[in-house]
């Protein structure tokens, strides 16, 4: 990921592989790993809501 937005999209993409009817994503927390003064990884803790049919 190159941003927190990318990290959130990746979470939704991965969840979509096993969960259908995703309706929204709530970014609960953002963090990242830093190496030599630059952000190396963007991380998000998300809640994903979906409809059960």
PDB file of N, CA and C in Angstrom:
ATOM      1  N   UNK A   1       0.822  -1.175   0.000  1.00  0.00           N
ATOM      2  CA  UNK A   1       0.000   0.000   0.000  1.00  0.00           C
ATOM      3  C   UNK A   1       0.873   1.247   0.000  1.00  0.00           C
ATOM      4  N   UNK A   2       0.367   2.294  -0.611  1.00  0.00           N
ATOM      5  CA  UNK A   2       1.093   3.556  -0.677  1.00  0.00           C
ATOM      6  C   UNK A   2       0.420   4.644   0.140  1.00  0.00           C
ATOM      7  N   UNK A   3      -0.732   4.304   0.733  1.00  0.00           N
ATOM      8  CA  UNK A   3      -1.465   5.273   1.553  1.00  0.00           C
ATOM      9  C   UNK A   3      -2.445   4.521   2.447  1.00  0.00           C
ATOM     10  N   UNK A   4      -3.032   5.252   3.395  1.00  0.00           N
ATOM     11  CA  UNK A   4      -4.048   4.629   4.241  1.00  0.00           C
ATOM     12  C   UNK A   4      -5.285   4.308   3.406  1.00  0.00           C
ATOM     13  N   UNK A   5      -5.545   5.109   2.396  1.00  0.00           N
ATOM     14  CA  UNK A   5      -6.669   4.821   1.494  1.00  0.00           C
ATOM     15  C   UNK A   5      -6.445   3.482   0.780  1.00  0.00           C
ATOM     16  N   UNK A   6      -5.227   3.262   0.313  1.00  0.00           N
ATOM     17  CA  UNK A   6      -4.898   1.981  -0.319  1.00  0.00           C
ATOM     18  C   UNK A   6      -5.069   0.822   0.661  1.00  0.00           C
ATOM     19  N   UNK A   7      -4.642   1.031   1.904  1.00  0.00           N
ATOM     20  CA  UNK A   7      -4.763  -0.020   2.918  1.00  0.00           C
ATOM     21  C   UNK A   7      -6.230  -0.356   3.177  1.00  0.00           C
ATOM     22  N   UNK A   8      -7.086   0.666   3.237  1.00  0.00           N
ATOM     23  CA  UNK A   8      -8.518   0.436   3.450  1.00  0.00           C
ATOM     24  C   UNK A   8      -9.124  -0.296   2.253  1.00  0.00           C
ATOM     25  N   UNK A   9      -8.744   0.106   1.049  1.00  0.00           N
ATOM     26  CA  UNK A   9      -9.251  -0.567  -0.147  1.00  0.00           C
ATOM     27  C   UNK A   9      -8.808  -2.023  -0.175  1.00  0.00           C
ATOM     28  N   UNK A  10      -7.577  -2.273   0.236  1.00  0.00           N
ATOM     29  CA  UNK A  10      -7.073  -3.645   0.288  1.00  0.00           C
ATOM     30  C   UNK A  10      -7.880  -4.487   1.276  1.00  0.00           C
ATOM     31  N   UNK A  11      -8.253  -3.906   2.406  1.00  0.00           N
ATOM     32  CA  UNK A  11      -9.067  -4.624   3.394  1.00  0.00           C
ATOM     33  C   UNK A  11     -10.419  -5.007   2.798  1.00  0.00           C
ATOM     34  N   UNK A  12     -11.038  -4.078   2.081  1.00  0.00           N
ATOM     35  CA  UNK A  12     -12.335  -4.352   1.456  1.00  0.00           C
ATOM     36  C   UNK A  12     -12.178  -5.409   0.356  1.00  0.00           C
ATOM     37  N   UNK A  13     -11.127  -5.293  -0.429  1.00  0.00           N
ATOM     38  CA  UNK A  13     -10.878  -6.265  -1.496  1.00  0.00           C
ATOM     39  C   UNK A  13     -10.695  -7.668  -0.929  1.00  0.00           C
ATOM     40  N   UNK A  14      -9.917  -7.786   0.126  1.00  0.00           N
ATOM     41  CA  UNK A  14      -9.693  -9.096   0.749  1.00  0.00           C
ATOM     42  C   UNK A  14     -10.977  -9.645   1.367  1.00  0.00           C
ATOM     43  N   UNK A  15     -11.736  -8.791   2.056  1.00  0.00           N
ATOM     44  CA  UNK A  15     -12.996  -9.236   2.665  1.00  0.00           C
ATOM     45  C   UNK A  15     -13.987  -9.684   1.594  1.00  0.00           C
ATOM     46  N   UNK A  16     -13.971  -9.015   0.446  1.00  0.00           N
ATOM     47  CA  UNK A  16     -14.889  -9.344  -0.649  1.00  0.00           C
ATOM     48  C   UNK A  16     -14.684 -10.753  -1.188  1.00  0.00           C
ATOM     49  N   UNK A  17     -13.524 -11.331  -0.936  1.00  0.00           N
ATOM     50  CA  UNK A  17     -13.252 -12.686  -1.408  1.00  0.00           C
ATOM     51  C   UNK A  17     -14.099 -13.722  -0.677  1.00  0.00           C
ATOM     52  N   UNK A  18     -14.516 -13.400   0.556  1.00  0.00           N
ATOM     53  CA  UNK A  18     -15.299 -14.374   1.329  1.00  0.00           C
ATOM     54  C   UNK A  18     -16.626 -13.825   1.847  1.00  0.00           C
ATOM     55  N   UNK A  19     -16.833 -12.522   1.760  1.00  0.00           N
ATOM     56  CA  UNK A  19     -18.063 -11.903   2.264  1.00  0.00           C
ATOM     57  C   UNK A  19     -18.746 -11.172   1.110  1.00  0.00           C
ATOM     58  N   UNK A  20     -20.023 -11.449   0.932  1.00  0.00           N
ATOM     59  CA  UNK A  20     -20.795 -10.789  -0.125  1.00  0.00           C
ATOM     60  C   UNK A  20     -21.605  -9.637   0.464  1.00  0.00           C
ATOM     61  N   UNK A  21     -22.079  -8.768  -0.393  1.00  0.00           N
ATOM     62  CA  UNK A  21     -22.970  -7.658  -0.027  1.00  0.00           C
ATOM     63  C   UNK A  21     -22.350  -6.680   0.971  1.00  0.00           C
ATOM     64  N   UNK A  22     -21.067  -6.360   0.802  1.00  0.00           N
ATOM     65  CA  UNK A  22     -20.425  -5.357   1.662  1.00  0.00           C
ATOM     66  C   UNK A  22     -21.070  -4.008   1.388  1.00  0.00           C
ATOM     67  N   UNK A  23     -21.429  -3.306   2.455  1.00  0.00           N
ATOM     68  CA  UNK A  23     -22.133  -2.028   2.334  1.00  0.00           C
ATOM     69  C   UNK A  23     -21.289  -0.825   2.740  1.00  0.00           C
ATOM     70  N   UNK A  24     -20.395  -0.990   3.730  1.00  0.00           N
ATOM     71  CA  UNK A  24     -19.588   0.158   4.161  1.00  0.00           C
ATOM     72  C   UNK A  24     -18.336  -0.313   4.878  1.00  0.00           C
ATOM     73  N   UNK A  25     -17.402   0.615   5.000  1.00  0.00           N
ATOM     74  CA  UNK A  25     -16.172   0.349   5.743  1.00  0.00           C
ATOM     75  C   UNK A  25     -15.938   1.528   6.678  1.00  0.00           C
ATOM     76  N   UNK A  26     -15.599   1.224   7.917  1.00  0.00           N
ATOM     77  CA  UNK A  26     -15.316   2.232   8.928  1.00  0.00           C
ATOM     78  C   UNK A  26     -13.861   2.068   9.344  1.00  0.00           C
ATOM     79  N   UNK A  27     -13.044   3.088   9.111  1.00  0.00           N
ATOM     80  CA  UNK A  27     -11.639   3.032   9.505  1.00  0.00           C
ATOM     81  C   UNK A  27     -11.562   3.415  10.976  1.00  0.00           C
ATOM     82  N   UNK A  28     -11.240   2.431  11.790  1.00  0.00           N
ATOM     83  CA  UNK A  28     -11.198   2.601  13.241  1.00  0.00           C
ATOM     84  C   UNK A  28      -9.856   3.160  13.702  1.00  0.00           C
ATOM     85  N   UNK A  29      -8.780   2.726  13.060  1.00  0.00           N
ATOM     86  CA  UNK A  29      -7.438   3.103  13.507  1.00  0.00           C
ATOM     87  C   UNK A  29      -6.474   3.054  12.325  1.00  0.00           C
ATOM     88  N   UNK A  30      -5.519   3.971  12.323  1.00  0.00           N
ATOM     89  CA  UNK A  30      -4.484   3.985  11.294  1.00  0.00           C
ATOM     90  C   UNK A  30      -3.122   3.884  11.966  1.00  0.00           C
ATOM     91  N   UNK A  31      -2.221   3.141  11.341  1.00  0.00           N
ATOM     92  CA  UNK A  31      -0.851   3.052  11.851  1.00  0.00           C
ATOM     93  C   UNK A  31       0.063   2.746  10.676  1.00  0.00           C
ATOM     94  N   UNK A  32       1.336   2.768  10.939  1.00  0.00           N
ATOM     95  CA  UNK A  32       2.288   2.454   9.884  1.00  0.00           C
ATOM     96  C   UNK A  32       3.619   2.049  10.469  1.00  0.00           C
ATOM     97  N   UNK A  33       4.425   1.415   9.642  1.00  0.00           N
ATOM     98  CA  UNK A  33       5.778   1.082  10.062  1.00  0.00           C
ATOM     99  C   UNK A  33       6.730   2.045   9.361  1.00  0.00           C
ATOM    100  N   UNK A  34       7.778   2.442  10.063  1.00  0.00           N
ATOM    101  CA  UNK A  34       8.728   3.423   9.543  1.00  0.00           C
ATOM    102  C   UNK A  34      10.114   2.800   9.491  1.00  0.00           C
ATOM    103  N   UNK A  35      10.817   3.052   8.402  1.00  0.00           N
ATOM    104  CA  UNK A  35      12.185   2.576   8.233  1.00  0.00           C
ATOM    105  C   UNK A  35      13.010   3.712   7.630  1.00  0.00           C
ATOM    106  N   UNK A  36      14.068   4.088   8.286  1.00  0.00           N
ATOM    107  CA  UNK A  36      14.953   5.164   7.833  1.00  0.00           C
ATOM    108  C   UNK A  36      14.186   6.463   7.570  1.00  0.00           C
ATOM    109  N   UNK A  37      13.247   6.774   8.458  1.00  0.00           N
ATOM    110  CA  UNK A  37      12.510   8.031   8.367  1.00  0.00           C
ATOM    111  C   UNK A  37      11.407   8.071   7.330  1.00  0.00           C
ATOM    112  N   UNK A  38      11.098   6.947   6.711  1.00  0.00           N
ATOM    113  CA  UNK A  38      10.031   6.909   5.702  1.00  0.00           C
ATOM    114  C   UNK A  38       9.025   5.830   6.066  1.00  0.00           C
ATOM    115  N   UNK A  39       7.755   6.117   5.779  1.00  0.00           N
ATOM    116  CA  UNK A  39       6.709   5.126   6.039  1.00  0.00           C
ATOM    117  C   UNK A  39       6.881   3.974   5.057  1.00  0.00           C
ATOM    118  N   UNK A  40       7.009   2.779   5.621  1.00  0.00           N
ATOM    119  CA  UNK A  40       7.217   1.585   4.815  1.00  0.00           C
ATOM    120  C   UNK A  40       5.905   0.847   4.543  1.00  0.00           C
ATOM    121  N   UNK A  41       5.051   0.772   5.574  1.00  0.00           N
ATOM    122  CA  UNK A  41       3.765   0.094   5.440  1.00  0.00           C
ATOM    123  C   UNK A  41       2.676   0.952   6.066  1.00  0.00           C
ATOM    124  N   UNK A  42       1.559   1.048   5.370  1.00  0.00           N
ATOM    125  CA  UNK A  42       0.370   1.714   5.899  1.00  0.00           C
ATOM    126  C   UNK A  42      -0.580   0.626   6.371  1.00  0.00           C
ATOM    127  N   UNK A  43      -1.111   0.799   7.577  1.00  0.00           N
ATOM    128  CA  UNK A  43      -2.012  -0.208   8.146  1.00  0.00           C
ATOM    129  C   UNK A  43      -3.284   0.462   8.650  1.00  0.00           C
ATOM    130  N   UNK A  44      -4.395  -0.232   8.491  1.00  0.00           N
ATOM    131  CA  UNK A  44      -5.668   0.254   9.017  1.00  0.00           C
ATOM    132  C   UNK A  44      -6.379  -0.876   9.743  1.00  0.00           C
ATOM    133  N   UNK A  45      -7.083  -0.510  10.786  1.00  0.00           N
ATOM    134  CA  UNK A  45      -7.963  -1.428  11.502  1.00  0.00           C
ATOM    135  C   UNK A  45      -9.368  -0.988  11.114  1.00  0.00           C
ATOM    136  N   UNK A  46     -10.114  -1.853  10.447  1.00  0.00           N
ATOM    137  CA  UNK A  46     -11.413  -1.460   9.909  1.00  0.00           C
ATOM    138  C   UNK A  46     -12.545  -2.332  10.436  1.00  0.00           C
ATOM    139  N   UNK A  47     -13.733  -1.762  10.363  1.00  0.00           N
ATOM    140  CA  UNK A  47     -14.968  -2.517  10.570  1.00  0.00           C
ATOM    141  C   UNK A  47     -15.692  -2.475   9.235  1.00  0.00           C
ATOM    142  N   UNK A  48     -16.086  -3.634   8.761  1.00  0.00           N
ATOM    143  CA  UNK A  48     -16.776  -3.733   7.482  1.00  0.00           C
ATOM    144  C   UNK A  48     -18.192  -4.215   7.742  1.00  0.00           C
ATOM    145  N   UNK A  49     -19.165  -3.494   7.200  1.00  0.00           N
ATOM    146  CA  UNK A  49     -20.557  -3.915   7.365  1.00  0.00           C
ATOM    147  C   UNK A  49     -21.046  -4.545   6.063  1.00  0.00           C
ATOM    148  N   UNK A  50     -21.919  -5.535   6.232  1.00  0.00           N
ATOM    149  CA  UNK A  50     -22.448  -6.229   5.071  1.00  0.00           C
ATOM    150  C   UNK A  50     -23.868  -6.680   5.362  1.00  0.00           C
ATOM    151  N   UNK A  51     -24.613  -6.897   4.286  1.00  0.00           N
ATOM    152  CA  UNK A  51     -26.007  -7.325   4.389  1.00  0.00           C
ATOM    153  C   UNK A  51     -26.076  -8.845   4.354  1.00  0.00           C
ATOM    154  N   UNK A  52     -26.846  -9.405   5.263  1.00  0.00           N
ATOM    155  CA  UNK A  52     -27.082 -10.845   5.276  1.00  0.00           C
ATOM    156  C   UNK A  52     -28.428 -11.091   4.613  1.00  0.00           C
ATOM    157  N   UNK A  53     -28.441 -11.924   3.602  1.00  0.00           N
ATOM    158  CA  UNK A  53     -29.696 -12.205   2.885  1.00  0.00           C
ATOM    159  C   UNK A  53     -30.182 -13.596   3.199  1.00  0.00           C
TER     160      UNK A  53
END
